[in-house]
């Protein structure tokens, strides 16, 4: 299954879903927020009003009539939306790159009605000495008499009252304004551009009466218009197999030896330096050899490493450690590998400084049938353990080939998908990708929590967004292309398939002990199965050529 971001409008009164990243065959549901977004107090007030009042139709409207909606919206450069006896005027301006600006003009009468609503609301909720006001009148005759405006304003405070008038005006006018782009606006992309303080000035008099019409601007992102540069029904991709019977046998043997080593007895080394096969506990740090700057995410204390392990993801590290004794410190160069998780570190020439804290000799036992079950659960002999490990390896190779094929197919589809990419989705996708990297590192046990927290700093996240922009955009373009394919081919999801995916998602959340929102879970399950269905369609309709593994 795959993760993807949905390009759809926000359902009325529904919380926003977490983005899904259509990237590889892993599909986890463990959201990790890296940092909150900050706004000034006045901007928060304006956009809070926007969030409370935006009226956007449910996702079905986007799927059912996206093309027609686009045409009608493009044609409507300026519209007038009836609001009582007066009109709110909205002019739509195309800014390019999936962005539009709505220039909204609110008549003085509606602004005045917002002010009146604030007067009545404060009068009813505040205990103003000498007055008791109830909307619509109360039991007492005096309950229906509104206190003078200056009394209410002075009691509440002029600044707070004027700001409340602006918020009320926004709540009355924004729903009408958003109707212009309701069918195509991307979820939660709306922002009020006009400074809140500028709108407050229109109520800036003793009685907070609007001095005239109120104008403000909203920008939002819209669903991209997609053009195909080729025929997606005639895709051909070529992939290289990740392994074959020979490589599977070699990998299985390596895994067997690795499991056997874990059964070894550790003995402290005191009379020699480190040799390949030793277990070492060390402190390490690294700096960029060109700039002298520390490389984030490398520094660790009491890091444990089995130098006899089959694979070490940092070539050159063991060579640098050879011969070192307990308590010794050494600095040596390493070129960061091209498959390092953080793209901006790949290929960096680094100087590593290592201090050996403890050194152990691992006395590995002989491989005998009596320890076979410890090497692989339920194995009855060494040969049985090796056979079971080989079977797992073959299954892993097959799954890897499927993932490689899927990625090649969606890349080929994305290559012929010509569409602008909404900036907010690119950014949100990047943040999700980075948070997943941090979570995977933490779960793998290769990094302690302190190091993960350092890598999750706002500065590191922003650096990732900039330096990995091309990769992030590739992921988003895959999503856009696959969603459009799903729509164009009218791919269907049965009720049974949908229910099964919901149950699977629920079980996965519960397995990781993660809290979840039922509505979001249901929506996420739908998106996951749609992504899987799109891939199934691609596999069935595209030509895939598989080359043998590289020697």
Protein backbone atom coordinates (compact mmCIF):
# COMPACT_ATOMS: atom_id res chain seq x y z
CA UNK A 1 0.00 0.00 0.00
CA UNK A 2 1.03 3.57 -0.54
CA UNK A 3 0.69 6.90 1.11
CA UNK A 4 -0.53 9.94 -0.78
CA UNK A 5 -1.59 13.54 -0.33
CA UNK A 6 -5.14 14.31 -1.33
CA UNK A 7 -5.79 17.34 -3.51
CA UNK A 8 -9.31 18.07 -2.45
CA UNK A 9 -11.49 20.70 -0.86
CA UNK A 10 -12.18 20.73 2.87
CA UNK A 11 -15.44 19.06 3.96
CA UNK A 12 -17.65 21.43 5.91
CA UNK A 13 -16.82 21.48 9.64
CA UNK A 14 -14.27 18.68 9.19
CA UNK A 15 -10.76 18.78 10.67
CA UNK A 16 -7.93 18.63 8.12
CA UNK A 17 -6.43 15.19 7.43
CA UNK A 18 -2.76 14.42 7.76
CA UNK A 19 -0.91 14.43 4.45
CA UNK A 20 0.01 11.09 2.93
CA UNK A 21 3.14 10.70 0.91
CA UNK A 22 2.93 8.58 -2.24
CA UNK A 23 6.52 7.42 -2.15
CA UNK A 24 7.25 3.77 -1.52
CA UNK A 25 5.61 0.55 -0.47
CA UNK A 26 5.79 1.17 3.25
CA UNK A 27 2.58 2.58 4.70
CA UNK A 28 2.80 3.67 8.30
CA UNK A 29 0.42 5.86 10.20
CA UNK A 30 2.50 7.45 12.92
CA UNK A 31 2.26 11.22 12.49
CA UNK A 32 5.07 13.28 14.01
CA UNK A 33 4.69 17.06 14.10
CA UNK A 34 8.07 18.72 13.84
CA UNK A 35 7.13 22.27 14.69
CA UNK A 36 4.07 24.46 15.16
CA UNK A 37 3.47 27.33 12.80
CA UNK A 38 3.49 30.76 14.39
CA UNK A 39 1.51 33.85 13.47
CA UNK A 40 1.15 37.28 14.99
CA UNK A 41 -1.81 37.83 17.29
CA UNK A 42 -3.69 39.97 14.78
CA UNK A 43 -3.03 37.57 11.92
CA UNK A 44 -4.24 34.74 14.13
CA UNK A 45 -7.48 36.59 14.73
CA UNK A 46 -8.04 37.14 11.02
CA UNK A 47 -7.24 33.60 10.00
CA UNK A 48 -9.19 32.17 12.92
CA UNK A 49 -12.24 33.89 11.47
CA UNK A 50 -11.34 32.40 8.11
CA UNK A 51 -11.06 28.89 9.53
CA UNK A 52 -14.39 29.17 11.32
CA UNK A 53 -16.36 30.38 8.36
CA UNK A 54 -14.90 28.92 5.16
CA UNK A 55 -17.58 27.11 3.23
CA UNK A 56 -16.22 24.48 0.88
CA UNK A 57 -18.23 21.57 -0.55
CA UNK A 58 -17.36 17.97 0.35
CA UNK A 59 -14.72 16.03 -1.60
CA UNK A 60 -17.36 14.41 -3.82
CA UNK A 61 -17.96 17.75 -5.52
CA UNK A 62 -14.33 17.89 -6.57
CA UNK A 63 -14.37 14.39 -8.00
CA UNK A 64 -17.76 14.63 -9.68
CA UNK A 65 -17.38 17.89 -11.52
CA UNK A 66 -13.83 19.13 -11.29
CA UNK A 67 -13.51 19.99 -15.00
CA UNK A 68 -16.81 21.87 -15.14
CA UNK A 69 -16.04 23.69 -11.93
CA UNK A 70 -12.65 24.75 -13.26
CA UNK A 71 -14.19 26.14 -16.42
CA UNK A 72 -16.85 28.11 -14.59
CA UNK A 73 -14.39 29.47 -12.05
CA UNK A 74 -11.89 30.52 -14.73
CA UNK A 75 -14.69 32.35 -16.55
CA UNK A 76 -15.81 34.22 -13.44
CA UNK A 77 -13.24 36.94 -13.08
CA UNK A 78 -15.55 39.06 -10.93
CA UNK A 79 -18.79 38.01 -9.27
CA UNK A 80 -21.32 39.50 -6.92
CA UNK A 81 -22.77 37.36 -4.16
CA UNK A 82 -26.08 38.38 -2.66
CA UNK A 83 -25.94 39.04 1.07
CA UNK A 84 -29.19 40.36 2.42
CA UNK A 85 -30.15 43.60 0.70
CA UNK A 86 -26.58 44.48 -0.19
CA UNK A 87 -23.88 42.78 -2.23
CA UNK A 88 -20.46 41.47 -1.30
CA UNK A 89 -18.26 41.86 -4.36
CA UNK A 90 -15.52 39.31 -5.02
CA UNK A 91 -12.95 39.63 -7.79
CA UNK A 92 -10.88 36.54 -8.51
CA UNK A 93 -7.31 37.09 -9.74
CA UNK A 94 -5.21 34.19 -11.04
CA UNK A 95 -1.69 34.47 -9.59
CA UNK A 96 -0.30 31.38 -11.31
CA UNK A 97 1.35 28.39 -9.64
CA UNK A 98 -2.02 27.14 -8.39
CA UNK A 99 -2.66 30.36 -6.48
CA UNK A 100 -5.58 32.77 -6.71
CA UNK A 101 -6.36 36.01 -4.90
CA UNK A 102 -9.86 37.01 -3.94
CA UNK A 103 -10.33 40.76 -3.60
CA UNK A 104 -13.37 41.14 -1.38
CA UNK A 105 -15.40 44.33 -0.89
CA UNK A 106 -17.88 44.31 1.98
CA UNK A 107 -20.53 47.08 1.87
CA UNK A 108 -20.76 49.50 4.73
CA UNK A 109 -24.19 48.11 5.58
CA UNK A 110 -22.83 44.62 6.25
CA UNK A 111 -19.93 46.02 8.25
CA UNK A 112 -22.50 47.99 10.22
CA UNK A 113 -24.54 44.85 10.81
CA UNK A 114 -21.39 43.15 12.14
CA UNK A 115 -20.88 46.08 14.52
CA UNK A 116 -24.50 45.83 15.67
CA UNK A 117 -24.07 42.11 16.32
CA UNK A 118 -21.05 42.88 18.50
CA UNK A 119 -22.94 45.54 20.43
CA UNK A 120 -25.79 43.15 21.17
CA UNK A 121 -23.49 40.23 21.91
CA UNK A 122 -21.32 42.11 24.40
CA UNK A 123 -24.35 43.75 26.00
CA UNK A 124 -25.89 40.34 26.63
CA UNK A 125 -22.76 38.56 27.84
CA UNK A 126 -21.17 41.36 29.87
CA UNK A 127 -22.54 42.50 33.19
CA UNK A 128 -22.63 46.24 32.53
CA UNK A 129 -23.62 48.12 35.69
CA UNK A 130 -27.11 49.62 35.39
CA UNK A 131 -28.12 47.50 32.38
CA UNK A 132 -29.58 44.04 31.82
CA UNK A 133 -29.94 43.24 28.12
CA UNK A 134 -31.31 40.09 26.51
CA UNK A 135 -31.59 39.60 22.76
CA UNK A 136 -35.24 39.47 21.78
CA UNK A 137 -36.23 40.89 25.15
CA UNK A 138 -36.49 39.22 28.51
CA UNK A 139 -39.03 38.94 31.27
CA UNK A 140 -38.46 42.52 32.28
CA UNK A 141 -39.25 45.42 30.00
CA UNK A 142 -35.76 46.83 30.47
CA UNK A 143 -34.24 43.60 29.18
CA UNK A 144 -35.00 44.58 25.59
CA UNK A 145 -33.29 47.95 25.73
CA UNK A 146 -29.75 48.01 24.34
CA UNK A 147 -27.26 50.11 26.35
CA UNK A 148 -25.77 53.08 24.49
CA UNK A 149 -22.97 52.14 22.12
CA UNK A 150 -20.34 54.25 23.88
CA UNK A 151 -21.17 52.55 27.18
CA UNK A 152 -20.71 49.08 25.70
CA UNK A 153 -17.50 50.03 23.88
CA UNK A 154 -15.93 51.66 26.94
CA UNK A 155 -16.88 48.69 29.12
CA UNK A 156 -15.41 46.14 26.72
CA UNK A 157 -12.48 48.30 25.69
CA UNK A 158 -12.26 50.19 22.37
CA UNK A 159 -9.45 48.07 20.94
CA UNK A 160 -11.05 44.71 21.71
CA UNK A 161 -14.44 45.89 20.48
CA UNK A 162 -13.10 47.13 17.14
CA UNK A 163 -11.18 43.90 16.60
CA UNK A 164 -14.35 41.94 17.37
CA UNK A 165 -16.20 43.98 14.74
CA UNK A 166 -13.62 43.00 12.14
CA UNK A 167 -13.83 39.33 13.11
CA UNK A 168 -17.63 39.40 12.90
CA UNK A 169 -17.45 41.15 9.52
CA UNK A 170 -15.05 38.46 8.27
CA UNK A 171 -17.31 35.68 9.49
CA UNK A 172 -20.21 37.20 7.59
CA UNK A 173 -18.33 37.81 4.35
CA UNK A 174 -15.74 35.04 3.95
CA UNK A 175 -18.25 32.24 3.25
CA UNK A 176 -19.62 34.23 0.32
CA UNK A 177 -16.15 35.02 -0.95
CA UNK A 178 -15.01 31.40 -0.81
CA UNK A 179 -17.98 30.26 -2.90
CA UNK A 180 -16.08 31.55 -5.92
CA UNK A 181 -13.39 28.85 -5.51
CA UNK A 182 -15.33 26.34 -3.44
CA UNK A 183 -14.97 23.51 -5.96
CA UNK A 184 -11.23 23.84 -6.44
CA UNK A 185 -9.72 25.41 -3.30
CA UNK A 186 -7.18 23.19 -1.56
CA UNK A 187 -7.86 22.30 2.00
CA UNK A 188 -6.56 24.80 4.56
CA UNK A 189 -4.67 26.85 1.99
CA UNK A 190 -6.71 30.04 2.53
CA UNK A 191 -4.93 33.01 4.10
CA UNK A 192 -6.04 36.60 4.63
CA UNK A 193 -3.39 38.86 3.14
CA UNK A 194 -4.72 42.21 4.30
CA UNK A 195 -3.21 43.21 7.66
CA UNK A 196 -5.76 42.88 10.42
CA UNK A 197 -4.78 46.28 11.80
CA UNK A 198 -5.62 47.87 8.45
CA UNK A 199 -9.17 46.55 8.63
CA UNK A 200 -9.51 47.71 12.23
CA UNK A 201 -8.79 51.29 11.07
CA UNK A 202 -12.15 51.35 9.26
CA UNK A 203 -13.84 51.14 12.67
CA UNK A 204 -11.42 53.59 14.26
CA UNK A 205 -13.73 56.21 15.72
CA UNK A 206 -15.38 56.83 19.06
CA UNK A 207 -18.47 54.74 18.31
CA UNK A 208 -16.62 52.17 16.14
CA UNK A 209 -18.90 52.85 13.19
CA UNK A 210 -17.60 51.72 9.78
CA UNK A 211 -16.35 54.69 7.81
CA UNK A 212 -17.15 53.04 4.48
CA UNK A 213 -16.93 49.78 2.55
CA UNK A 214 -14.36 47.28 3.83
CA UNK A 215 -11.90 45.72 1.39
CA UNK A 216 -9.55 42.83 2.04
CA UNK A 217 -7.81 40.07 0.10
CA UNK A 218 -7.66 36.30 0.52
CA UNK A 219 -5.15 34.06 -1.23
CA UNK A 220 -5.63 30.34 -1.57
CA UNK A 221 -4.29 27.47 -3.59
CA UNK A 222 -6.43 25.54 -6.04
CA UNK A 223 -6.37 22.11 -7.59
CA UNK A 224 -3.78 22.11 -10.39
CA UNK A 225 -4.87 21.83 -14.00
CA UNK A 226 -3.27 18.67 -15.38
CA UNK A 227 -2.09 18.15 -18.94
CA UNK A 228 -0.67 14.83 -20.14
CA UNK A 229 2.47 14.99 -22.28
CA UNK A 230 2.09 11.35 -23.32
CA UNK A 231 -0.33 8.44 -23.27
CA UNK A 232 -0.45 7.03 -19.75
CA UNK A 233 -2.14 3.91 -21.12
CA UNK A 234 1.04 2.95 -23.02
CA UNK A 235 3.77 3.21 -20.39
CA UNK A 236 6.92 1.08 -20.59
CA UNK A 237 9.43 0.89 -17.74
CA UNK A 238 12.69 -0.99 -17.26
CA UNK A 239 13.87 -2.01 -13.79
CA UNK A 240 16.85 -3.89 -12.41
CA UNK A 241 16.09 -6.85 -10.18
CA UNK A 242 17.40 -6.34 -6.63
CA UNK A 243 18.55 -9.96 -6.44
CA UNK A 244 18.37 -13.50 -7.78
CA UNK A 245 18.91 -17.01 -6.44
CA UNK A 246 22.67 -16.45 -6.11
CA UNK A 247 22.48 -13.14 -4.26
CA UNK A 248 19.63 -14.42 -2.08
CA UNK A 249 21.78 -17.36 -0.99
CA UNK A 250 24.70 -15.04 -0.15
CA UNK A 251 22.48 -12.64 1.78
CA UNK A 252 20.82 -15.51 3.66
CA UNK A 253 24.21 -16.86 4.70
CA UNK A 254 25.22 -13.42 5.91
CA UNK A 255 22.01 -13.11 7.94
CA UNK A 256 22.59 -16.54 9.45
CA UNK A 257 26.08 -15.54 10.59
CA UNK A 258 24.74 -12.27 11.97
CA UNK A 259 22.15 -14.12 14.05
CA UNK A 260 24.84 -16.54 15.23
CA UNK A 261 27.06 -13.65 16.33
CA UNK A 262 24.28 -12.34 18.54
CA UNK A 263 24.53 -15.57 20.54
CA UNK A 264 28.22 -14.96 21.26
CA UNK A 265 29.84 -14.31 24.64
CA UNK A 266 31.36 -10.86 25.16
CA UNK A 267 34.75 -10.60 26.89
CA UNK A 268 36.52 -7.34 27.69
CA UNK A 269 39.64 -6.68 25.57
CA UNK A 270 42.54 -5.13 27.48
CA UNK A 271 45.74 -6.24 25.76
CA UNK A 272 45.26 -5.30 22.10
CA UNK A 273 43.64 -2.88 19.67
CA UNK A 274 40.35 -3.31 17.85
CA UNK A 275 40.04 -6.12 15.32
CA UNK A 276 37.29 -6.85 12.85
CA UNK A 277 34.66 -8.87 14.72
CA UNK A 278 34.99 -6.94 18.00
CA UNK A 279 32.09 -5.15 19.67
CA UNK A 280 32.96 -1.53 20.46
CA UNK A 281 31.31 1.19 22.55
CA UNK A 282 32.45 4.67 21.53
CA UNK A 283 31.79 8.38 21.40
CA UNK A 284 31.85 9.86 17.93
CA UNK A 285 31.44 13.23 16.27
CA UNK A 286 32.03 14.61 12.78
CA UNK A 287 32.67 17.94 11.08
CA UNK A 288 32.64 19.02 7.46
CA UNK A 289 36.31 18.94 6.44
CA UNK A 290 35.81 21.93 4.12
CA UNK A 291 33.94 24.25 6.50
CA UNK A 292 34.73 22.86 9.95
CA UNK A 293 31.02 22.92 10.79
CA UNK A 294 29.58 20.09 12.85
CA UNK A 295 27.52 17.59 10.86
CA UNK A 296 24.12 17.39 12.50
CA UNK A 297 22.94 13.95 13.60
CA UNK A 298 26.36 12.30 13.82
CA UNK A 299 27.41 13.14 17.36
CA UNK A 300 26.63 10.30 19.73
CA UNK A 301 27.88 9.03 23.06
CA UNK A 302 28.30 5.37 24.02
CA UNK A 303 27.42 4.26 20.51
CA UNK A 304 27.64 0.46 20.20
CA UNK A 305 28.88 -1.14 16.99
CA UNK A 306 29.46 -4.77 15.99
CA UNK A 307 32.41 -4.55 13.60
CA UNK A 308 31.77 -8.09 12.44
CA UNK A 309 28.28 -7.28 11.18
CA UNK A 310 27.61 -8.08 7.55
CA UNK A 311 26.61 -4.53 6.65
CA UNK A 312 27.67 -1.21 8.13
CA UNK A 313 26.00 1.79 6.56
CA UNK A 314 29.06 4.01 6.93
CA UNK A 315 31.90 2.64 4.77
CA UNK A 316 35.33 3.53 6.14
CA UNK A 317 34.30 3.65 9.77
CA UNK A 318 35.61 0.19 10.71
CA UNK A 319 38.86 0.80 8.80
CA UNK A 320 39.40 3.95 10.85
CA UNK A 321 38.82 2.07 14.10
CA UNK A 322 41.25 -0.78 13.46
CA UNK A 323 44.00 -0.95 16.05
CA UNK A 324 42.43 1.56 18.43
CA UNK A 325 42.54 0.69 22.14
CA UNK A 326 40.20 1.53 24.99
CA UNK A 327 40.52 5.22 25.95
CA UNK A 328 42.19 6.19 22.67
CA UNK A 329 40.93 9.08 20.53
CA UNK A 330 41.47 9.30 16.79
CA UNK A 331 40.38 11.53 13.90
CA UNK A 332 40.10 10.18 10.35
CA UNK A 333 38.34 11.17 7.09
CA UNK A 334 35.16 9.56 5.74
CA UNK A 335 33.09 10.47 2.69
CA UNK A 336 29.41 10.33 3.60
CA UNK A 337 27.65 7.70 1.48
CA UNK A 338 25.21 8.67 -1.26
CA UNK A 339 22.40 6.66 0.35
CA UNK A 340 22.62 8.49 3.69
CA UNK A 341 19.09 9.35 4.98
CA UNK A 342 19.68 13.13 5.01
CA UNK A 343 20.19 14.18 1.41
CA UNK A 344 22.11 17.34 2.33
CA UNK A 345 24.83 15.23 4.03
CA UNK A 346 25.38 12.84 1.12
CA UNK A 347 28.81 13.08 -0.44
CA UNK A 348 30.15 15.42 2.27
CA UNK A 349 33.86 15.03 3.07
CA UNK A 350 33.85 14.57 6.85
CA UNK A 351 36.44 14.28 9.59
CA UNK A 352 35.28 11.80 12.24
CA UNK A 353 36.61 11.95 15.80
CA UNK A 354 36.16 8.74 17.79
CA UNK A 355 36.96 7.84 21.40
CA UNK A 356 36.88 4.15 22.37
CA UNK A 357 35.12 3.63 25.69
CA UNK A 358 34.84 -0.16 25.81
CA UNK A 359 36.10 -2.99 23.62
CA UNK A 360 34.81 -6.55 23.63
CA UNK A 361 35.83 -9.75 21.92
CA UNK A 362 32.81 -11.69 20.70
CA UNK A 363 33.30 -15.45 21.16
CA UNK A 364 30.83 -16.82 18.64
CA UNK A 365 29.53 -20.37 19.31
CA UNK A 366 29.70 -23.14 16.75
CA UNK A 367 26.59 -23.56 14.61
CA UNK A 368 25.00 -26.73 15.99
CA UNK A 369 21.50 -28.11 15.85
CA UNK A 370 20.93 -27.56 19.58
CA UNK A 371 21.00 -23.76 19.14
CA UNK A 372 19.13 -23.72 15.81
CA UNK A 373 15.92 -22.47 17.43
CA UNK A 374 17.82 -19.51 18.90
CA UNK A 375 19.08 -18.62 15.43
CA UNK A 376 15.59 -18.81 13.90
CA UNK A 377 12.34 -19.45 15.82
CA UNK A 378 11.01 -23.02 15.57
CA UNK A 379 13.99 -24.21 13.51
CA UNK A 380 14.77 -27.88 14.22
CA UNK A 381 18.30 -27.88 12.84
CA UNK A 382 20.98 -25.61 11.40
CA UNK A 383 19.91 -26.56 7.89
CA UNK A 384 16.29 -25.83 8.77
CA UNK A 385 17.26 -22.42 10.15
CA UNK A 386 19.23 -21.64 6.99
CA UNK A 387 16.31 -22.76 4.82
CA UNK A 388 13.86 -20.56 6.71
CA UNK A 389 16.18 -17.56 6.49
CA UNK A 390 16.63 -18.16 2.76
CA UNK A 391 12.85 -18.28 2.28
CA UNK A 392 12.46 -14.96 4.11
CA UNK A 393 15.22 -13.47 1.97
CA UNK A 394 13.51 -14.60 -1.24
CA UNK A 395 10.25 -13.03 -0.06
CA UNK A 396 12.10 -9.80 0.75
CA UNK A 397 13.68 -9.75 -2.70
CA UNK A 398 10.28 -10.26 -4.34
CA UNK A 399 8.77 -7.46 -2.25
CA UNK A 400 11.69 -5.20 -3.10
CA UNK A 401 11.24 -5.88 -6.81
CA UNK A 402 7.56 -5.03 -6.50
CA UNK A 403 8.42 -1.77 -4.74
CA UNK A 404 11.05 -0.87 -7.35
CA UNK A 405 8.55 -1.61 -10.11
CA UNK A 406 5.86 0.48 -8.43
CA UNK A 407 8.22 3.41 -8.07
CA UNK A 408 9.30 3.12 -11.71
CA UNK A 409 5.66 3.09 -12.81
CA UNK A 410 4.61 6.13 -10.80
CA UNK A 411 7.78 7.96 -11.86
CA UNK A 412 6.98 7.23 -15.51
CA UNK A 413 3.42 8.44 -14.95
CA UNK A 414 4.65 11.58 -13.17
CA UNK A 415 7.10 12.31 -16.02
CA UNK A 416 4.24 12.80 -18.46
CA UNK A 417 2.05 14.69 -15.97
CA UNK A 418 2.39 18.41 -16.60
CA UNK A 419 0.90 20.31 -13.69
CA UNK A 420 1.94 23.13 -11.35
CA UNK A 421 2.50 21.98 -7.78
CA UNK A 422 0.79 23.83 -4.91
CA UNK A 423 3.44 25.22 -2.58
CA UNK A 424 1.58 24.36 0.61
CA UNK A 425 1.37 20.70 -0.35
CA UNK A 426 5.03 20.61 -1.33
CA UNK A 427 5.99 22.04 2.06
CA UNK A 428 3.66 19.80 4.04
CA UNK A 429 4.87 16.75 2.14
CA UNK A 430 8.48 17.69 2.88
CA UNK A 431 7.77 18.04 6.58
CA UNK A 432 6.04 14.68 6.63
CA UNK A 433 8.92 13.03 4.76
CA UNK A 434 11.46 14.46 7.20
CA UNK A 435 9.45 13.44 10.26
CA UNK A 436 9.21 9.90 8.88
CA UNK A 437 12.99 9.80 8.47
CA UNK A 438 13.45 10.83 12.10
CA UNK A 439 10.93 8.25 13.27
CA UNK A 440 12.55 5.48 11.27
CA UNK A 441 15.97 6.36 12.69
CA UNK A 442 14.59 6.31 16.19
CA UNK A 443 12.84 2.98 15.68
CA UNK A 444 15.89 1.40 14.07
CA UNK A 445 17.89 2.03 17.23
CA UNK A 446 20.77 3.60 15.32
CA UNK A 447 20.22 6.99 16.95
CA UNK A 448 19.29 7.95 20.47
CA UNK A 449 16.41 10.29 21.25
CA UNK A 450 18.72 13.24 21.92
CA UNK A 451 20.21 13.00 18.44
CA UNK A 452 16.77 12.66 16.85
CA UNK A 453 15.63 15.80 18.69
CA UNK A 454 18.65 17.68 17.35
CA UNK A 455 17.81 16.62 13.81
CA UNK A 456 14.17 17.60 14.32
CA UNK A 457 15.05 21.22 15.11
CA UNK A 458 13.28 23.89 12.99
CA UNK A 459 16.61 24.82 11.38
CA UNK A 460 17.28 21.25 10.24
CA UNK A 461 13.73 20.88 8.91
CA UNK A 462 14.00 24.10 6.90
CA UNK A 463 17.37 22.98 5.55
CA UNK A 464 15.82 19.70 4.42
CA UNK A 465 12.95 21.52 2.69
CA UNK A 466 15.40 23.65 0.72
CA UNK A 467 18.02 21.07 -0.15
CA UNK A 468 15.56 18.25 -0.86
CA UNK A 469 13.07 20.34 -2.80
CA UNK A 470 13.53 18.35 -6.02
CA UNK A 471 12.90 15.04 -4.27
CA UNK A 472 9.86 16.43 -2.44
CA UNK A 473 8.36 17.80 -5.64
CA UNK A 474 8.88 14.43 -7.31
CA UNK A 475 6.83 12.80 -4.54
CA UNK A 476 4.05 15.37 -4.89
CA UNK A 477 3.97 15.02 -8.68
CA UNK A 478 3.56 11.27 -8.26
CA UNK A 479 0.56 11.92 -6.04
CA UNK A 480 -1.04 14.37 -8.46
CA UNK A 481 -0.56 12.01 -11.41
CA UNK A 482 -1.90 8.91 -9.63
CA UNK A 483 -4.95 10.72 -8.29
CA UNK A 484 -5.77 11.98 -11.77
CA UNK A 485 -5.35 8.46 -13.16
CA UNK A 486 -7.78 7.13 -10.55
CA UNK A 487 -10.33 9.75 -11.60
CA UNK A 488 -9.91 9.39 -15.35
CA UNK A 489 -10.17 5.59 -15.34
CA UNK A 490 -13.17 5.60 -12.98
CA UNK A 491 -11.46 3.04 -10.76
CA UNK A 492 -13.88 1.69 -8.20
CA UNK A 493 -13.45 0.58 -4.60
CA UNK A 494 -15.93 -1.96 -3.25
CA UNK A 495 -17.51 -1.61 0.15
CA UNK A 496 -15.78 -4.79 1.33
CA UNK A 497 -12.35 -3.46 0.24
CA UNK A 498 -12.98 -0.18 1.99
CA UNK A 499 -14.11 -1.82 5.25
CA UNK A 500 -11.09 -4.12 5.23
CA UNK A 501 -8.74 -1.15 4.84
CA UNK A 502 -10.44 0.70 7.71
CA UNK A 503 -9.98 -2.31 9.98
CA UNK A 504 -6.34 -2.62 8.91
CA UNK A 505 -5.70 1.06 9.62
CA UNK A 506 -7.37 0.81 13.04
CA UNK A 507 -5.31 -2.24 13.98
CA UNK A 508 -2.09 -0.52 12.92
CA UNK A 509 -2.81 2.54 15.05
CA UNK A 510 -3.61 0.34 18.04
CA UNK A 511 -0.50 -1.80 17.51
CA UNK A 512 1.70 1.28 17.83
CA UNK A 513 -0.39 2.69 20.66
CA UNK A 514 -1.18 5.82 18.65
CA UNK A 515 -4.32 7.85 19.25
CA UNK A 516 -6.44 8.44 16.18
CA UNK A 517 -9.50 10.32 15.02
CA UNK A 518 -12.13 8.02 13.52
CA UNK A 519 -13.07 10.46 10.76
CA UNK A 520 -9.45 10.92 9.73
CA UNK A 521 -8.86 7.18 9.90
CA UNK A 522 -11.77 6.51 7.54
CA UNK A 523 -10.58 9.16 5.12
CA UNK A 524 -7.02 7.87 5.25
CA UNK A 525 -8.19 4.32 4.58
CA UNK A 526 -10.02 5.52 1.47
CA UNK A 527 -6.94 7.32 0.20
CA UNK A 528 -4.71 4.33 0.85
CA UNK A 529 -6.87 1.92 -1.08
CA UNK A 530 -7.25 4.40 -3.94
CA UNK A 531 -3.46 4.59 -4.20
CA UNK A 532 -3.19 0.82 -4.22
CA UNK A 533 -5.87 0.55 -6.87
CA UNK A 534 -4.04 3.07 -9.05
CA UNK A 535 -0.89 0.96 -8.84
CA UNK A 536 -2.78 -2.20 -9.66
CA UNK A 537 -4.11 -0.49 -12.77
CA UNK A 538 -0.61 0.59 -13.77
CA UNK A 539 0.81 -2.91 -13.30
CA UNK A 540 -1.98 -4.40 -15.40
CA UNK A 541 -1.70 -1.89 -18.24
CA UNK A 542 1.99 -0.98 -18.46
CA UNK A 543 4.86 -2.99 -19.92
CA UNK A 544 7.57 -3.81 -17.36
CA UNK A 545 11.01 -5.08 -18.43
CA UNK A 546 13.10 -6.63 -15.61
CA UNK A 547 16.87 -6.77 -16.10
CA UNK A 548 19.07 -9.14 -14.05
CA UNK A 549 20.76 -7.74 -10.92
CA UNK A 550 24.01 -5.83 -11.24
CA UNK A 551 26.97 -8.11 -10.62
